[in-house]
């Protein structure tokens, strides 16, 4: 049985398709591989050969840990790392010098290092690094001639090298990163608005239920967009190679909070649509047209953000959606349908703000039914 299992496992690894997939994964993440190896080697070189530190193992460790931090959090993680290492080293060195090494001393060193880290801050990396540093000091590298301040400096060198490698050696493409994150949000929103209009035309409560469920599932997508923006802003800030992307990235930064509002308002709209259909309150055809215009506005905004240009078409569609929603009130509709029309206007405003208009200009354009959306 054991031999058969080992043979089967070997086939899984030797299958050409599996090998190609795994090789493609390594190639896709080659930037991370190069950055990690380069940062570790450079940190060791600087600490040992430039600073003259013997066995500067904290330098490459710090470099790799900082590079492995979530995008957008490297500065905070660097601070946590250096503080954690400093706490662990100081407590470890001090107690080992005073009481010697051993299992009881190890327990005391780690406990006090974690307590000190908790006192200074609750960051998980700070606490873990303090504990790990204390363990290394108490077991593998106990002090023999007093407290070694060079170990803390090694951690600082590693963090600084990681930042430098991240900024100068194959920095990621911030616009591509954000574009990949914003795409699912906008596609889901546009599809949901189209489906809501279709459910209205067909008087299909089940379709309205499915649309609402899809919009409720966008929360992870919105969080991914927030994380991607944080990483992209960090990259643009620290990498001279990417400074030229600041303007285009600014369009995404402006759009993000309003896209979040648009999704949440679309959820309210979908809930109202479901309630109207379940009570037999049929909306006028013009309301479905307004929803189609909103979906067109989202798709136009998506294209324009990808291309880094002003979303004139997106504004036009948003204005038309609001204008059509205004016609709903004249039809003498019920409460739920009137609420849907109001939400159409709210989403239209969100999309115009996401396109870069000031709030006063967006409301003025909707009130006029023209304005900047019709220019050009």
Protein backbone atom coordinates (compact mmCIF):
# COMPACT_ATOMS: atom_id res chain seq x y z
CA UNK A 1 0.00 0.00 0.00
CA UNK A 2 2.75 2.38 0.94
CA UNK A 3 4.63 1.69 -2.29
CA UNK A 4 1.48 2.27 -4.34
CA UNK A 5 0.82 5.57 -2.58
CA UNK A 6 4.39 6.72 -3.17
CA UNK A 7 4.13 5.75 -6.83
CA UNK A 8 0.87 7.65 -7.17
CA UNK A 9 2.40 10.73 -5.49
CA UNK A 10 5.37 10.50 -7.84
CA UNK A 11 3.05 10.46 -10.85
CA UNK A 12 1.32 13.59 -9.57
CA UNK A 13 4.65 15.40 -9.49
CA UNK A 14 5.91 14.01 -12.79
CA UNK A 15 2.83 14.68 -14.89
CA UNK A 16 3.89 17.13 -17.61
CA UNK A 17 0.81 19.28 -17.11
CA UNK A 18 1.47 19.54 -13.36
CA UNK A 19 5.10 20.43 -13.95
CA UNK A 20 4.12 23.07 -16.49
CA UNK A 21 1.57 24.54 -14.07
CA UNK A 22 4.05 24.68 -11.22
CA UNK A 23 6.74 26.12 -13.48
CA UNK A 24 4.32 28.76 -14.71
CA UNK A 25 3.54 29.65 -11.09
CA UNK A 26 7.23 30.21 -10.37
CA UNK A 27 7.63 32.28 -13.54
CA UNK A 28 4.57 34.40 -12.70
CA UNK A 29 6.07 35.20 -9.30
CA UNK A 30 9.65 35.55 -10.51
CA UNK A 31 9.77 39.13 -9.24
CA UNK A 32 9.17 37.92 -5.68
CA UNK A 33 11.86 35.24 -6.07
CA UNK A 34 14.43 37.72 -7.35
CA UNK A 35 13.56 40.34 -4.75
CA UNK A 36 13.75 37.91 -1.82
CA UNK A 37 17.07 36.41 -2.85
CA UNK A 38 18.61 39.78 -3.68
CA UNK A 39 17.42 41.39 -0.44
CA UNK A 40 18.74 38.57 1.74
CA UNK A 41 22.15 38.54 0.06
CA UNK A 42 22.54 42.31 0.03
CA UNK A 43 21.47 42.64 3.67
CA UNK A 44 24.07 40.06 4.74
CA UNK A 45 26.78 41.74 2.63
CA UNK A 46 26.12 45.20 4.07
CA UNK A 47 25.92 44.00 7.66
CA UNK A 48 29.00 41.77 7.53
CA UNK A 49 31.36 43.37 5.05
CA UNK A 50 30.42 47.04 5.31
CA UNK A 51 29.37 47.30 8.97
CA UNK A 52 31.77 44.58 10.13
CA UNK A 53 29.20 42.57 12.10
CA UNK A 54 30.02 38.92 12.74
CA UNK A 55 27.22 36.49 11.79
CA UNK A 56 24.55 39.16 11.07
CA UNK A 57 21.72 36.63 10.71
CA UNK A 58 19.07 39.18 11.72
CA UNK A 59 19.78 41.24 8.58
CA UNK A 60 18.63 38.69 5.94
CA UNK A 61 15.81 37.49 8.19
CA UNK A 62 14.50 41.03 8.52
CA UNK A 63 14.80 41.65 4.79
CA UNK A 64 12.78 38.56 3.88
CA UNK A 65 10.11 39.20 6.53
CA UNK A 66 9.58 42.79 5.40
CA UNK A 67 9.36 41.79 1.72
CA UNK A 68 6.82 39.14 2.68
CA UNK A 69 4.58 41.68 4.40
CA UNK A 70 1.28 42.52 2.77
CA UNK A 71 1.52 45.18 0.10
CA UNK A 72 0.79 48.58 1.56
CA UNK A 73 1.98 47.56 5.02
CA UNK A 74 5.73 47.35 4.54
CA UNK A 75 6.56 50.59 6.35
CA UNK A 76 4.46 49.65 9.38
CA UNK A 77 5.79 46.09 9.28
CA UNK A 78 9.36 47.38 9.12
CA UNK A 79 8.79 49.45 12.25
CA UNK A 80 7.13 46.52 14.02
CA UNK A 81 9.94 44.21 12.96
CA UNK A 82 12.75 46.46 14.14
CA UNK A 83 11.01 47.24 17.44
CA UNK A 84 10.20 43.55 17.97
CA UNK A 85 13.79 42.50 17.30
CA UNK A 86 15.09 45.26 19.58
CA UNK A 87 12.79 44.16 22.41
CA UNK A 88 13.63 40.49 22.00
CA UNK A 89 17.37 41.12 21.80
CA UNK A 90 17.46 43.52 24.72
CA UNK A 91 15.41 41.30 27.04
CA UNK A 92 17.24 38.16 25.89
CA UNK A 93 20.71 39.61 26.21
CA UNK A 94 19.99 41.21 29.57
CA UNK A 95 18.48 38.15 31.25
CA UNK A 96 20.99 35.68 29.83
CA UNK A 97 23.86 37.89 31.01
CA UNK A 98 22.28 38.07 34.47
CA UNK A 99 20.97 34.52 34.93
CA UNK A 100 22.67 32.35 32.32
CA UNK A 101 21.09 29.97 29.78
CA UNK A 102 18.72 27.07 30.33
CA UNK A 103 15.10 25.98 29.90
CA UNK A 104 13.82 28.06 32.83
CA UNK A 105 15.74 31.10 31.65
CA UNK A 106 14.34 30.54 28.13
CA UNK A 107 10.79 30.48 29.45
CA UNK A 108 11.42 33.66 31.42
CA UNK A 109 13.12 35.42 28.49
CA UNK A 110 10.32 34.64 26.02
CA UNK A 111 7.57 35.51 28.50
CA UNK A 112 9.12 38.87 29.35
CA UNK A 113 9.86 39.67 25.69
CA UNK A 114 6.24 39.00 24.71
CA UNK A 115 5.01 41.03 27.69
CA UNK A 116 7.23 43.94 26.73
CA UNK A 117 6.03 43.75 23.10
CA UNK A 118 2.41 43.75 24.24
CA UNK A 119 3.13 46.79 26.39
CA UNK A 120 4.67 48.66 23.45
CA UNK A 121 2.07 47.68 20.85
CA UNK A 122 -0.28 44.88 19.90
CA UNK A 123 0.98 44.25 16.36
CA UNK A 124 1.24 40.52 15.72
CA UNK A 125 4.56 40.83 13.90
CA UNK A 126 6.06 42.87 16.74
CA UNK A 127 5.03 40.25 19.31
CA UNK A 128 6.14 37.27 17.22
CA UNK A 129 9.44 38.85 16.29
CA UNK A 130 10.18 39.73 19.91
CA UNK A 131 9.52 36.12 20.94
CA UNK A 132 11.54 34.67 18.04
CA UNK A 133 14.47 37.01 18.69
CA UNK A 134 14.47 36.13 22.36
CA UNK A 135 14.52 32.41 21.52
CA UNK A 136 17.46 32.85 19.13
CA UNK A 137 19.38 34.87 21.70
CA UNK A 138 18.71 32.42 24.51
CA UNK A 139 19.50 29.25 22.55
CA UNK A 140 21.60 29.58 19.41
CA UNK A 141 23.45 32.84 20.04
CA UNK A 142 23.59 33.62 23.77
CA UNK A 143 25.67 36.71 24.59
CA UNK A 144 29.16 36.08 25.85
CA UNK A 145 30.43 39.63 26.24
CA UNK A 146 27.44 41.77 27.22
CA UNK A 147 24.50 43.10 25.25
CA UNK A 148 25.04 43.13 21.48
CA UNK A 149 23.55 46.29 20.02
CA UNK A 150 24.73 45.28 16.54
CA UNK A 151 21.90 42.73 16.31
CA UNK A 152 19.27 45.47 16.42
CA UNK A 153 21.23 47.38 13.78
CA UNK A 154 21.24 44.26 11.61
CA UNK A 155 17.45 44.17 11.77
CA UNK A 156 17.32 47.81 10.73
CA UNK A 157 19.69 47.13 7.83
CA UNK A 158 17.52 44.24 6.67
CA UNK A 159 14.36 46.35 6.75
CA UNK A 160 16.03 49.20 4.87
CA UNK A 161 17.41 46.84 2.23
CA UNK A 162 13.98 45.27 1.74
CA UNK A 163 12.49 48.69 1.11
CA UNK A 164 15.24 49.56 -1.34
CA UNK A 165 14.91 46.30 -3.26
CA UNK A 166 11.13 46.68 -3.38
CA UNK A 167 11.48 50.22 -4.72
CA UNK A 168 14.28 49.71 -7.26
CA UNK A 169 14.45 46.04 -8.27
CA UNK A 170 11.48 45.00 -10.42
CA UNK A 171 8.79 46.94 -8.56
CA UNK A 172 5.26 45.76 -9.29
CA UNK A 173 2.99 47.57 -11.74
CA UNK A 174 0.58 49.50 -9.47
CA UNK A 175 -1.91 50.27 -12.24
CA UNK A 176 -2.12 46.65 -13.34
CA UNK A 177 -2.58 45.54 -9.73
CA UNK A 178 -5.43 47.98 -9.12
CA UNK A 179 -6.95 47.28 -12.52
CA UNK A 180 -7.16 43.57 -11.71
CA UNK A 181 -8.85 44.38 -8.41
CA UNK A 182 -11.34 46.98 -9.66
CA UNK A 183 -12.44 44.89 -12.67
CA UNK A 184 -14.50 42.30 -10.73
CA UNK A 185 -16.17 45.04 -8.67
CA UNK A 186 -17.32 47.00 -11.72
CA UNK A 187 -18.25 43.91 -13.73
CA UNK A 188 -20.36 42.56 -10.88
CA UNK A 189 -22.06 45.90 -10.38
CA UNK A 190 -22.84 46.35 -14.10
CA UNK A 191 -24.14 42.79 -14.43
CA UNK A 192 -26.30 43.20 -11.32
CA UNK A 193 -27.88 46.40 -12.62
CA UNK A 194 -28.60 44.74 -15.98
CA UNK A 195 -30.08 41.71 -14.22
CA UNK A 196 -32.24 43.94 -12.02
CA UNK A 197 -33.69 45.60 -15.09
CA UNK A 198 -34.34 42.23 -16.68
CA UNK A 199 -36.03 40.94 -13.51
CA UNK A 200 -38.27 44.02 -13.58
CA UNK A 201 -39.26 43.47 -17.22
CA UNK A 202 -39.96 39.78 -16.66
CA UNK A 203 -41.53 40.26 -13.20
CA UNK A 204 -39.21 37.51 -11.89
CA UNK A 205 -38.72 37.56 -8.07
CA UNK A 206 -36.28 34.63 -8.22
CA UNK A 207 -33.99 36.57 -10.56
CA UNK A 208 -34.15 39.53 -8.18
CA UNK A 209 -33.12 37.22 -5.31
CA UNK A 210 -30.10 35.96 -7.28
CA UNK A 211 -29.06 39.50 -8.17
CA UNK A 212 -29.20 40.62 -4.54
CA UNK A 213 -27.15 37.57 -3.47
CA UNK A 214 -24.51 38.46 -6.05
CA UNK A 215 -24.26 42.04 -4.80
CA UNK A 216 -23.97 40.86 -1.21
CA UNK A 217 -21.01 38.70 -2.23
CA UNK A 218 -19.01 41.74 -3.36
CA UNK A 219 -17.64 42.51 0.11
CA UNK A 220 -14.42 40.48 -0.41
CA UNK A 221 -13.97 42.15 -3.82
CA UNK A 222 -14.22 45.59 -2.25
CA UNK A 223 -11.66 44.60 0.39
CA UNK A 224 -9.31 43.32 -2.30
CA UNK A 225 -9.63 46.67 -4.06
CA UNK A 226 -8.80 48.51 -0.82
CA UNK A 227 -5.73 46.31 -0.29
CA UNK A 228 -4.61 46.71 -3.90
CA UNK A 229 -4.86 50.49 -3.64
CA UNK A 230 -2.81 50.50 -0.44
CA UNK A 231 -0.07 48.46 -2.10
CA UNK A 232 -0.15 50.54 -5.27
CA UNK A 233 0.10 53.81 -3.36
CA UNK A 234 3.07 52.47 -1.42
CA UNK A 235 4.80 51.36 -4.63
CA UNK A 236 4.25 54.73 -6.32
CA UNK A 237 5.47 56.56 -3.23
CA UNK A 238 8.75 54.66 -2.77
CA UNK A 239 9.67 53.60 -6.31
CA UNK A 240 11.10 56.29 -8.62
CA UNK A 241 10.43 53.96 -11.55
CA UNK A 242 6.70 54.22 -10.84
CA UNK A 243 6.40 57.92 -10.04
CA UNK A 244 4.95 58.51 -13.50
CA UNK A 245 1.89 56.43 -12.51
CA UNK A 246 0.79 58.86 -9.81
CA UNK A 247 -1.75 60.69 -11.95
CA UNK A 248 -3.44 57.57 -13.32
CA UNK A 249 -3.45 55.95 -9.90
CA UNK A 250 -5.08 59.09 -8.50
CA UNK A 251 -8.13 58.38 -10.67
CA UNK A 252 -8.55 54.98 -8.99
CA UNK A 253 -7.98 56.48 -5.55
CA UNK A 254 -10.71 59.06 -6.23
CA UNK A 255 -13.10 56.46 -7.62
CA UNK A 256 -12.73 53.75 -4.96
CA UNK A 257 -14.87 55.15 -2.08
CA UNK A 258 -17.65 56.16 -4.49
CA UNK A 259 -17.64 52.72 -6.10
CA UNK A 260 -18.10 51.26 -2.63
CA UNK A 261 -21.10 53.58 -2.12
CA UNK A 262 -22.48 52.65 -5.54
CA UNK A 263 -22.37 48.94 -4.72
CA UNK A 264 -24.10 49.50 -1.39
CA UNK A 265 -26.78 51.67 -2.97
CA UNK A 266 -27.26 49.02 -5.65
CA UNK A 267 -27.90 46.49 -2.90
CA UNK A 268 -30.64 48.70 -1.47
CA UNK A 269 -32.04 49.07 -4.99
CA UNK A 270 -32.05 45.28 -5.48
CA UNK A 271 -33.77 44.71 -2.14
CA UNK A 272 -36.47 47.21 -3.07
CA UNK A 273 -36.86 45.54 -6.46
CA UNK A 274 -37.29 42.15 -4.82
CA UNK A 275 -39.89 43.52 -2.41
CA UNK A 276 -41.81 45.19 -5.25
CA UNK A 277 -41.91 42.00 -7.32
CA UNK A 278 -42.98 39.85 -4.39
CA UNK A 279 -45.91 42.16 -3.65
CA UNK A 280 -46.91 42.35 -7.29
CA UNK A 281 -45.90 45.99 -7.69
CA UNK A 282 -44.81 46.23 -11.31
CA UNK A 283 -42.58 49.15 -12.22
CA UNK A 284 -42.99 51.06 -15.48
CA UNK A 285 -40.75 50.10 -18.45
CA UNK A 286 -38.89 53.40 -18.15
CA UNK A 287 -37.43 52.22 -14.85
CA UNK A 288 -35.85 49.19 -16.55
CA UNK A 289 -34.39 51.57 -19.12
CA UNK A 290 -32.91 53.65 -16.30
CA UNK A 291 -31.26 50.54 -14.86
CA UNK A 292 -29.79 49.70 -18.28
CA UNK A 293 -28.35 53.21 -18.48
CA UNK A 294 -26.78 52.79 -15.06
CA UNK A 295 -25.17 49.51 -16.17
CA UNK A 296 -23.85 51.29 -19.28
CA UNK A 297 -22.43 54.05 -17.08
CA UNK A 298 -20.55 51.47 -14.98
CA UNK A 299 -19.11 49.75 -18.05
CA UNK A 300 -18.03 53.07 -19.59
CA UNK A 301 -16.38 54.09 -16.31
CA UNK A 302 -14.56 50.76 -16.22
CA UNK A 303 -13.12 51.26 -19.71
CA UNK A 304 -12.11 54.84 -19.01
CA UNK A 305 -10.37 53.97 -15.74
CA UNK A 306 -8.41 51.25 -17.55
CA UNK A 307 -7.36 53.75 -20.19
CA UNK A 308 -6.65 56.56 -17.73
CA UNK A 309 -9.03 59.02 -19.34
CA UNK A 310 -11.94 61.20 -18.27
CA UNK A 311 -15.22 59.24 -18.27
CA UNK A 312 -17.40 61.54 -20.36
CA UNK A 313 -19.54 58.65 -21.65
CA UNK A 314 -19.99 57.30 -18.13
CA UNK A 315 -21.38 60.65 -17.00
CA UNK A 316 -23.73 60.84 -19.95
CA UNK A 317 -25.21 57.46 -19.15
CA UNK A 318 -25.52 58.37 -15.46
CA UNK A 319 -27.38 61.59 -16.31
CA UNK A 320 -29.73 59.71 -18.62
CA UNK A 321 -30.41 57.11 -15.92
CA UNK A 322 -31.32 59.82 -13.43
CA UNK A 323 -33.50 61.58 -16.00
CA UNK A 324 -35.42 58.37 -16.76
CA UNK A 325 -35.80 57.64 -13.05
CA UNK A 326 -37.33 61.08 -12.66
CA UNK A 327 -40.02 60.12 -15.18
CA UNK A 328 -41.06 57.24 -12.93
CA UNK A 329 -42.60 59.58 -10.37
CA UNK A 330 -44.92 61.03 -13.01
CA UNK A 331 -46.37 57.56 -13.62
CA UNK A 332 -48.04 57.40 -10.20
CA UNK A 333 -46.05 54.42 -8.87
CA UNK A 334 -46.12 52.62 -5.53
CA UNK A 335 -43.78 53.09 -2.58
CA UNK A 336 -41.22 50.41 -3.51
CA UNK A 337 -40.99 51.55 -7.13
CA UNK A 338 -40.53 55.16 -6.02
CA UNK A 339 -37.73 54.00 -3.70
CA UNK A 340 -36.05 52.16 -6.59
CA UNK A 341 -36.17 55.33 -8.67
CA UNK A 342 -34.56 57.25 -5.81
CA UNK A 343 -31.78 54.64 -5.58
CA UNK A 344 -31.15 54.92 -9.31
CA UNK A 345 -30.41 58.58 -8.75
CA UNK A 346 -28.16 57.78 -5.77
CA UNK A 347 -26.12 55.29 -7.80
CA UNK A 348 -25.92 57.80 -10.66
CA UNK A 349 -24.44 60.38 -8.29
CA UNK A 350 -21.95 57.82 -6.95
CA UNK A 351 -20.78 56.99 -10.47
CA UNK A 352 -20.36 60.64 -11.40
CA UNK A 353 -18.31 61.22 -8.27
CA UNK A 354 -16.26 58.13 -9.10
CA UNK A 355 -15.55 59.67 -12.51
CA UNK A 356 -13.86 62.61 -10.78
CA UNK A 357 -16.63 65.24 -10.63
CA UNK A 358 -17.02 67.32 -7.49
CA UNK A 359 -20.24 66.63 -5.58
CA UNK A 360 -21.75 70.03 -6.36
CA UNK A 361 -21.01 69.58 -10.08
CA UNK A 362 -22.51 66.09 -10.10
CA UNK A 363 -25.76 67.22 -8.47
CA UNK A 364 -25.93 70.26 -10.74
CA UNK A 365 -25.51 68.08 -13.84
CA UNK A 366 -28.32 65.80 -12.71
CA UNK A 367 -30.60 68.71 -11.92
CA UNK A 368 -30.04 70.20 -15.36
CA UNK A 369 -30.08 66.86 -17.09
CA UNK A 370 -27.02 68.12 -18.96
CA UNK A 371 -23.83 69.89 -17.88
CA UNK A 372 -20.40 68.32 -18.01
CA UNK A 373 -21.82 64.96 -18.99
CA UNK A 374 -22.85 66.30 -22.38
CA UNK A 375 -19.71 68.27 -23.16
CA UNK A 376 -17.75 67.08 -26.16
